[in-house]
Amino acid sequence: SLGMTPEQVTEAIDARKAASNAFHEQLVALTKELETKGLSAQEIGRIKHEMICSHRYENLRNPFVCRKCWTYIPICVCLLVASVDGTARC
């Protein structure tokens, strides 16, 4: 239903999990480092929030969402728009 083979779905899920796990390890290490530098909880929270937002933007919460229009890939219209105006969107 996603216009993908079962192998592609599995690859997308595995890539998302790997990125999430790597990010979690990075976030834990950074938190410990920032605490040793004596930053306030508010400063640490702001830095972590920025990192989380960036990670979610780059890796998406769901691996089956178009990065341009944020809809699920089967209903994404970016390619249709690109064929009309000549610009690639996805």
N, C-alpha and C. Protein backbone atom coordinates (compact mmCIF):
# COMPACT_ATOMS: atom_id res chain seq x y z
N SER A 1 0.81 -1.20 0.00
CA SER A 1 0.00 0.00 0.00
C SER A 1 0.86 1.27 0.00
N LEU A 2 2.13 1.15 0.30
CA LEU A 2 3.01 2.31 0.30
C LEU A 2 3.71 2.49 -1.04
N GLY A 3 3.38 1.63 -2.00
CA GLY A 3 4.06 1.69 -3.29
C GLY A 3 5.50 1.23 -3.18
N MET A 4 5.76 0.40 -2.17
CA MET A 4 7.11 -0.09 -1.91
C MET A 4 7.05 -1.60 -1.77
N THR A 5 8.17 -2.24 -2.07
CA THR A 5 8.25 -3.68 -1.85
C THR A 5 8.42 -3.93 -0.35
N PRO A 6 8.12 -5.12 0.12
CA PRO A 6 8.32 -5.43 1.54
C PRO A 6 9.78 -5.21 1.97
N GLU A 7 10.72 -5.47 1.07
CA GLU A 7 12.13 -5.26 1.40
C GLU A 7 12.43 -3.77 1.59
N GLN A 8 11.85 -2.93 0.74
CA GLN A 8 12.05 -1.49 0.86
C GLN A 8 11.44 -0.95 2.16
N VAL A 9 10.29 -1.48 2.53
CA VAL A 9 9.66 -1.09 3.79
C VAL A 9 10.56 -1.46 4.96
N THR A 10 11.07 -2.68 4.94
CA THR A 10 11.95 -3.14 6.01
C THR A 10 13.21 -2.29 6.07
N GLU A 11 13.79 -1.97 4.92
CA GLU A 11 14.99 -1.12 4.88
C GLU A 11 14.71 0.26 5.45
N ALA A 12 13.57 0.84 5.10
CA ALA A 12 13.22 2.17 5.60
C ALA A 12 13.03 2.15 7.11
N ILE A 13 12.37 1.12 7.61
CA ILE A 13 12.15 1.00 9.06
C ILE A 13 13.48 0.80 9.77
N ASP A 14 14.33 -0.08 9.24
CA ASP A 14 15.63 -0.34 9.86
C ASP A 14 16.52 0.91 9.86
N ALA A 15 16.51 1.65 8.76
CA ALA A 15 17.32 2.88 8.69
C ALA A 15 16.83 3.89 9.70
N ARG A 16 15.53 4.01 9.84
CA ARG A 16 14.95 4.95 10.82
C ARG A 16 15.32 4.55 12.23
N LYS A 17 15.25 3.25 12.55
CA LYS A 17 15.61 2.77 13.88
C LYS A 17 17.09 3.00 14.16
N ALA A 18 17.94 2.75 13.18
CA ALA A 18 19.38 2.95 13.36
C ALA A 18 19.68 4.42 13.62
N ALA A 19 19.06 5.30 12.86
CA ALA A 19 19.27 6.74 13.06
C ALA A 19 18.77 7.17 14.43
N SER A 20 17.66 6.62 14.85
CA SER A 20 17.10 6.97 16.16
C SER A 20 17.99 6.49 17.29
N ASN A 21 18.49 5.28 17.18
CA ASN A 21 19.37 4.74 18.22
C ASN A 21 20.68 5.51 18.30
N ALA A 22 21.24 5.84 17.16
CA ALA A 22 22.49 6.62 17.13
C ALA A 22 22.26 8.00 17.73
N PHE A 23 21.12 8.61 17.41
CA PHE A 23 20.81 9.92 17.96
C PHE A 23 20.64 9.86 19.47
N HIS A 24 19.98 8.83 19.96
CA HIS A 24 19.79 8.69 21.40
C HIS A 24 21.14 8.60 22.13
N GLU A 25 22.04 7.81 21.59
CA GLU A 25 23.38 7.69 22.20
C GLU A 25 24.09 9.04 22.18
N GLN A 26 23.98 9.77 21.10
CA GLN A 26 24.60 11.09 20.98
C GLN A 26 23.98 12.06 21.99
N LEU A 27 22.68 12.00 22.15
CA LEU A 27 21.98 12.89 23.07
C LEU A 27 22.36 12.61 24.52
N VAL A 28 22.47 11.35 24.88
CA VAL A 28 22.87 10.98 26.25
C VAL A 28 24.30 11.46 26.53
N ALA A 29 25.19 11.23 25.58
CA ALA A 29 26.58 11.66 25.76
C ALA A 29 26.68 13.18 25.88
N LEU A 30 25.95 13.90 25.05
CA LEU A 30 25.97 15.35 25.09
C LEU A 30 25.41 15.87 26.42
N THR A 31 24.33 15.25 26.89
CA THR A 31 23.74 15.67 28.16
C THR A 31 24.75 15.55 29.29
N LYS A 32 25.45 14.44 29.33
CA LYS A 32 26.46 14.24 30.38
C LYS A 32 27.57 15.28 30.26
N GLU A 33 27.99 15.55 29.03
CA GLU A 33 29.05 16.54 28.80
C GLU A 33 28.60 17.93 29.24
N LEU A 34 27.38 18.30 28.89
CA LEU A 34 26.88 19.62 29.25
C LEU A 34 26.71 19.78 30.76
N GLU A 35 26.31 18.70 31.42
CA GLU A 35 26.15 18.75 32.88
C GLU A 35 27.50 18.98 33.56
N THR A 36 28.55 18.38 33.02
CA THR A 36 29.87 18.56 33.62
C THR A 36 30.41 19.97 33.39
N LYS A 37 29.89 20.65 32.36
CA LYS A 37 30.32 22.02 32.10
C LYS A 37 29.59 23.03 32.98
N GLY A 38 28.62 22.56 33.74
CA GLY A 38 27.92 23.43 34.67
C GLY A 38 26.80 24.25 34.05
N LEU A 39 26.28 23.83 32.91
CA LEU A 39 25.16 24.56 32.31
C LEU A 39 23.88 24.31 33.10
N SER A 40 23.00 25.27 33.09
CA SER A 40 21.74 25.13 33.81
C SER A 40 20.84 24.13 33.08
N ALA A 41 19.85 23.63 33.80
CA ALA A 41 18.90 22.68 33.21
C ALA A 41 18.16 23.33 32.04
N GLN A 42 17.88 24.63 32.16
CA GLN A 42 17.19 25.34 31.09
C GLN A 42 18.05 25.41 29.83
N GLU A 43 19.32 25.68 29.98
CA GLU A 43 20.22 25.74 28.82
C GLU A 43 20.37 24.37 28.17
N ILE A 44 20.53 23.35 29.01
CA ILE A 44 20.64 21.98 28.49
C ILE A 44 19.36 21.61 27.75
N GLY A 45 18.22 21.94 28.32
CA GLY A 45 16.94 21.64 27.69
C GLY A 45 16.79 22.32 26.34
N ARG A 46 17.23 23.57 26.23
CA ARG A 46 17.16 24.30 24.97
C ARG A 46 18.03 23.63 23.90
N ILE A 47 19.23 23.26 24.28
CA ILE A 47 20.16 22.62 23.34
C ILE A 47 19.60 21.26 22.89
N LYS A 48 19.09 20.48 23.84
CA LYS A 48 18.52 19.18 23.50
C LYS A 48 17.29 19.34 22.60
N HIS A 49 16.48 20.34 22.88
CA HIS A 49 15.28 20.57 22.07
C HIS A 49 15.67 20.88 20.62
N GLU A 50 16.68 21.72 20.43
CA GLU A 50 17.14 22.04 19.09
C GLU A 50 17.66 20.80 18.37
N MET A 51 18.39 19.97 19.10
CA MET A 51 18.92 18.74 18.49
C MET A 51 17.79 17.79 18.10
N ILE A 52 16.79 17.66 18.97
CA ILE A 52 15.66 16.76 18.69
C ILE A 52 14.88 17.25 17.48
N CYS A 53 14.61 18.55 17.42
CA CYS A 53 13.89 19.10 16.27
C CYS A 53 14.65 18.86 14.97
N SER A 54 15.94 19.09 15.01
CA SER A 54 16.78 18.89 13.82
C SER A 54 16.76 17.43 13.40
N HIS A 55 16.91 16.53 14.37
CA HIS A 55 16.89 15.09 14.08
C HIS A 55 15.56 14.68 13.46
N ARG A 56 14.47 15.14 14.04
CA ARG A 56 13.15 14.76 13.52
C ARG A 56 12.92 15.32 12.13
N TYR A 57 13.43 16.51 11.86
CA TYR A 57 13.28 17.08 10.53
C TYR A 57 14.08 16.27 9.51
N GLU A 58 15.30 15.91 9.87
CA GLU A 58 16.17 15.18 8.94
C GLU A 58 15.75 13.73 8.75
N ASN A 59 15.28 13.09 9.82
CA ASN A 59 14.98 11.66 9.75
C ASN A 59 13.50 11.33 9.75
N LEU A 60 12.68 12.32 9.92
CA LEU A 60 11.23 12.15 9.94
C LEU A 60 10.79 11.21 11.06
N ARG A 61 9.64 11.46 11.58
CA ARG A 61 9.09 10.58 12.60
C ARG A 61 8.61 9.29 11.94
N ASN A 62 8.16 9.41 10.71
CA ASN A 62 7.66 8.26 9.97
C ASN A 62 8.46 8.16 8.66
N PRO A 63 9.08 7.03 8.37
CA PRO A 63 9.91 6.92 7.17
C PRO A 63 9.13 6.88 5.86
N PHE A 64 7.81 6.90 5.93
CA PHE A 64 7.00 6.80 4.72
C PHE A 64 6.31 8.11 4.37
N VAL A 65 6.90 9.21 4.80
CA VAL A 65 6.34 10.52 4.54
C VAL A 65 7.24 11.26 3.56
N CYS A 66 6.62 11.94 2.62
CA CYS A 66 7.38 12.75 1.66
C CYS A 66 8.08 13.87 2.41
N ARG A 67 9.33 14.12 2.11
CA ARG A 67 10.10 15.15 2.80
C ARG A 67 9.69 16.57 2.39
N LYS A 68 8.98 16.71 1.32
CA LYS A 68 8.60 18.05 0.84
C LYS A 68 7.19 18.45 1.27
N CYS A 69 6.22 17.55 1.08
CA CYS A 69 4.83 17.93 1.37
C CYS A 69 4.30 17.30 2.67
N TRP A 70 5.03 16.42 3.27
CA TRP A 70 4.72 15.80 4.56
C TRP A 70 3.50 14.88 4.53
N THR A 71 3.07 14.45 3.34
CA THR A 71 1.99 13.48 3.28
C THR A 71 2.59 12.09 3.10
N TYR A 72 1.76 11.07 3.30
CA TYR A 72 2.25 9.72 3.08
C TYR A 72 2.57 9.53 1.60
N ILE A 73 3.62 8.79 1.33
CA ILE A 73 4.14 8.62 -0.03
C ILE A 73 3.07 8.17 -1.03
N PRO A 74 2.18 7.25 -0.70
CA PRO A 74 1.19 6.84 -1.71
C PRO A 74 0.28 7.97 -2.18
N ILE A 75 0.05 9.00 -1.37
CA ILE A 75 -0.83 10.08 -1.78
C ILE A 75 -0.09 11.38 -2.05
N CYS A 76 1.23 11.34 -2.03
CA CYS A 76 2.04 12.52 -2.32
C CYS A 76 1.79 12.98 -3.75
N VAL A 77 1.59 14.29 -3.92
CA VAL A 77 1.32 14.83 -5.25
C VAL A 77 2.50 15.62 -5.81
N CYS A 78 3.63 15.58 -5.14
CA CYS A 78 4.79 16.36 -5.58
C CYS A 78 5.21 16.02 -6.99
N LEU A 79 5.19 14.74 -7.35
CA LEU A 79 5.59 14.36 -8.71
C LEU A 79 4.59 14.87 -9.74
N LEU A 80 3.31 14.91 -9.40
CA LEU A 80 2.31 15.45 -10.32
C LEU A 80 2.54 16.94 -10.53
N VAL A 81 2.81 17.65 -9.47
CA VAL A 81 3.08 19.09 -9.57
C VAL A 81 4.35 19.31 -10.38
N ALA A 82 5.36 18.49 -10.14
CA ALA A 82 6.61 18.62 -10.87
C ALA A 82 6.40 18.40 -12.37
N SER A 83 5.51 17.49 -12.74
CA SER A 83 5.27 17.25 -14.15
C SER A 83 4.53 18.41 -14.80
N VAL A 84 3.79 19.18 -14.00
CA VAL A 84 3.05 20.33 -14.54
C VAL A 84 3.95 21.54 -14.69
N ASP A 85 4.73 21.85 -13.64
CA ASP A 85 5.52 23.08 -13.71
C ASP A 85 7.00 22.83 -13.99
N GLY A 86 7.42 21.58 -14.12
CA GLY A 86 8.78 21.26 -14.52
C GLY A 86 9.80 21.27 -13.40
N THR A 87 9.38 21.39 -12.16
CA THR A 87 10.32 21.37 -11.05
C THR A 87 10.14 20.10 -10.25
N ALA A 88 11.25 19.53 -9.85
CA ALA A 88 11.20 18.31 -9.02
C ALA A 88 11.04 18.71 -7.58
N ARG A 89 10.08 18.10 -6.90
CA ARG A 89 9.83 18.48 -5.51
C ARG A 89 10.22 17.38 -4.52
N CYS A 90 10.17 16.15 -4.90
CA CYS A 90 10.48 15.06 -3.94
C CYS A 90 11.93 14.68 -4.03
